[in-house]
N, C-alpha and C. Protein backbone atom coordinates (compact mmCIF):
# COMPACT_ATOMS: atom_id res chain seq x y z
N MET A 1 84.89 194.42 -173.21
CA MET A 1 85.64 193.88 -172.09
C MET A 1 85.04 194.44 -170.79
N LYS A 2 84.94 193.59 -169.82
CA LYS A 2 84.36 193.93 -168.53
C LYS A 2 85.36 194.74 -167.70
N ASN A 3 84.88 195.77 -167.01
CA ASN A 3 85.74 196.57 -166.13
C ASN A 3 85.98 195.83 -164.83
N ASP A 4 87.24 195.65 -164.50
CA ASP A 4 87.63 194.97 -163.27
C ASP A 4 87.90 196.03 -162.22
N PRO A 5 87.19 196.02 -161.09
CA PRO A 5 87.37 197.06 -160.08
C PRO A 5 88.77 197.05 -159.45
N ILE A 6 89.39 195.90 -159.36
CA ILE A 6 90.75 195.82 -158.80
C ILE A 6 91.75 196.49 -159.74
N VAL A 7 91.64 196.19 -161.03
CA VAL A 7 92.53 196.80 -162.01
C VAL A 7 92.31 198.32 -162.02
N ALA A 8 91.07 198.75 -161.95
CA ALA A 8 90.76 200.18 -161.93
C ALA A 8 91.39 200.85 -160.71
N GLU A 9 91.33 200.19 -159.56
CA GLU A 9 91.91 200.75 -158.33
C GLU A 9 93.43 200.86 -158.44
N VAL A 10 94.07 199.81 -158.96
CA VAL A 10 95.53 199.82 -159.12
C VAL A 10 95.94 200.94 -160.08
N ARG A 11 95.21 201.09 -161.17
CA ARG A 11 95.53 202.15 -162.13
C ARG A 11 95.33 203.53 -161.53
N ALA A 12 94.31 203.71 -160.72
CA ALA A 12 94.07 204.99 -160.08
C ALA A 12 95.20 205.33 -159.10
N ILE A 13 95.64 204.34 -158.33
CA ILE A 13 96.75 204.55 -157.39
C ILE A 13 98.03 204.86 -158.15
N ARG A 14 98.27 204.13 -159.23
CA ARG A 14 99.46 204.37 -160.05
C ARG A 14 99.45 205.79 -160.61
N ASP A 15 98.31 206.24 -161.10
CA ASP A 15 98.23 207.59 -161.67
C ASP A 15 98.40 208.65 -160.59
N GLU A 16 97.84 208.40 -159.40
CA GLU A 16 97.99 209.33 -158.29
C GLU A 16 99.46 209.48 -157.89
N LEU A 17 100.17 208.35 -157.79
CA LEU A 17 101.59 208.38 -157.44
C LEU A 17 102.38 209.13 -158.51
N ALA A 18 102.10 208.84 -159.78
CA ALA A 18 102.81 209.50 -160.87
C ALA A 18 102.55 211.01 -160.85
N ALA A 19 101.32 211.41 -160.60
CA ALA A 19 100.99 212.83 -160.54
C ALA A 19 101.72 213.51 -159.38
N GLN A 20 101.80 212.85 -158.23
CA GLN A 20 102.51 213.42 -157.07
C GLN A 20 103.98 213.65 -157.39
N CYS A 21 104.53 212.82 -158.27
CA CYS A 21 105.96 212.90 -158.61
C CYS A 21 106.19 213.67 -159.90
N GLY A 22 105.17 214.32 -160.40
CA GLY A 22 105.31 215.10 -161.63
C GLY A 22 105.59 214.23 -162.84
N TYR A 23 105.15 212.99 -162.80
CA TYR A 23 105.35 212.02 -163.88
C TYR A 23 106.84 211.84 -164.21
N ASP A 24 107.69 212.05 -163.21
CA ASP A 24 109.14 211.87 -163.35
C ASP A 24 109.49 210.47 -162.86
N ILE A 25 109.92 209.61 -163.78
CA ILE A 25 110.16 208.20 -163.44
C ILE A 25 111.22 208.03 -162.36
N LYS A 26 112.25 208.87 -162.39
CA LYS A 26 113.29 208.77 -161.36
C LYS A 26 112.72 209.11 -159.98
N GLU A 27 111.86 210.10 -159.92
CA GLU A 27 111.24 210.48 -158.66
C GLU A 27 110.26 209.40 -158.17
N ILE A 28 109.56 208.79 -159.09
CA ILE A 28 108.63 207.71 -158.72
C ILE A 28 109.41 206.57 -158.06
N PHE A 29 110.52 206.15 -158.68
CA PHE A 29 111.31 205.05 -158.12
C PHE A 29 111.98 205.46 -156.81
N ARG A 30 112.41 206.72 -156.69
CA ARG A 30 113.00 207.18 -155.44
C ARG A 30 111.98 207.08 -154.31
N LYS A 31 110.76 207.52 -154.61
CA LYS A 31 109.69 207.48 -153.61
C LYS A 31 109.33 206.03 -153.23
N LEU A 32 109.28 205.15 -154.22
CA LEU A 32 108.97 203.75 -153.93
C LEU A 32 110.05 203.09 -153.07
N ARG A 33 111.32 203.39 -153.38
CA ARG A 33 112.41 202.84 -152.58
C ARG A 33 112.38 203.38 -151.15
N GLU A 34 112.01 204.64 -151.02
CA GLU A 34 111.87 205.23 -149.68
C GLU A 34 110.78 204.52 -148.88
N GLN A 35 109.66 204.24 -149.53
CA GLN A 35 108.57 203.52 -148.87
C GLN A 35 108.99 202.11 -148.49
N GLN A 36 109.77 201.45 -149.34
CA GLN A 36 110.27 200.12 -149.01
C GLN A 36 111.15 200.16 -147.77
N ALA A 37 112.03 201.14 -147.71
CA ALA A 37 112.94 201.26 -146.57
C ALA A 37 112.17 201.49 -145.27
N LYS A 38 111.12 202.29 -145.33
CA LYS A 38 110.32 202.60 -144.14
C LYS A 38 109.44 201.42 -143.70
N SER A 39 109.15 200.50 -144.63
CA SER A 39 108.21 199.42 -144.32
C SER A 39 108.77 198.43 -143.31
N GLY A 40 110.10 198.30 -143.26
CA GLY A 40 110.69 197.34 -142.34
C GLY A 40 110.67 195.91 -142.85
N LEU A 41 110.13 195.71 -144.05
CA LEU A 41 110.09 194.37 -144.64
C LEU A 41 111.40 194.09 -145.35
N LYS A 42 111.71 192.81 -145.52
CA LYS A 42 112.92 192.43 -146.22
C LYS A 42 112.56 192.17 -147.69
N TYR A 43 113.25 192.85 -148.58
CA TYR A 43 113.01 192.71 -150.01
C TYR A 43 114.17 191.93 -150.62
N VAL A 44 113.84 191.10 -151.59
CA VAL A 44 114.85 190.28 -152.26
C VAL A 44 115.11 190.90 -153.63
N ARG A 45 116.39 191.05 -153.95
CA ARG A 45 116.77 191.56 -155.27
C ARG A 45 117.61 190.50 -155.96
N TYR A 46 117.22 190.17 -157.16
CA TYR A 46 117.95 189.20 -157.95
C TYR A 46 118.84 189.94 -158.94
N PRO A 47 120.02 189.40 -159.21
CA PRO A 47 120.88 190.05 -160.21
C PRO A 47 120.25 189.94 -161.60
N ALA A 48 120.61 190.87 -162.46
CA ALA A 48 120.10 190.83 -163.84
C ALA A 48 120.57 189.55 -164.50
N ARG A 49 119.72 188.98 -165.28
CA ARG A 49 120.04 187.74 -165.98
C ARG A 49 120.40 188.07 -167.42
N ARG A 50 121.59 187.67 -167.82
CA ARG A 50 122.03 187.93 -169.19
C ARG A 50 121.37 186.91 -170.13
N VAL A 51 120.97 187.42 -171.28
CA VAL A 51 120.35 186.56 -172.28
C VAL A 51 121.36 186.34 -173.38
N ASN A 52 121.57 185.09 -173.72
CA ASN A 52 122.47 184.73 -174.80
C ASN A 52 121.84 185.19 -176.11
N PRO A 53 122.53 186.00 -176.92
CA PRO A 53 121.93 186.51 -178.15
C PRO A 53 121.49 185.43 -179.12
N THR A 54 122.03 184.24 -179.00
CA THR A 54 121.62 183.15 -179.89
C THR A 54 120.41 182.41 -179.35
N GLU A 55 120.01 182.71 -178.10
CA GLU A 55 118.84 182.09 -177.50
C GLU A 55 117.59 182.62 -178.16
N ASP A 56 116.62 181.77 -178.35
CA ASP A 56 115.33 182.18 -178.89
C ASP A 56 114.50 182.71 -177.73
N VAL A 57 114.25 184.02 -177.72
CA VAL A 57 113.52 184.66 -176.63
C VAL A 57 112.09 184.86 -177.07
N ARG A 58 111.20 184.04 -176.58
CA ARG A 58 109.76 184.16 -176.92
C ARG A 58 108.96 184.28 -175.69
């Protein structure tokens, strides 16, 4: 498989962020939400969608 430089860059940034947060998922999300708040951009949040247990989920 060919190495994609964009994928490699995203993975490097992801690993750097995780290392800064001590690989603590709660801290990673706290930091990301803080960055969103500082950005001044409007973010859209959709409510969770319930899946009917009889539905075929593929």
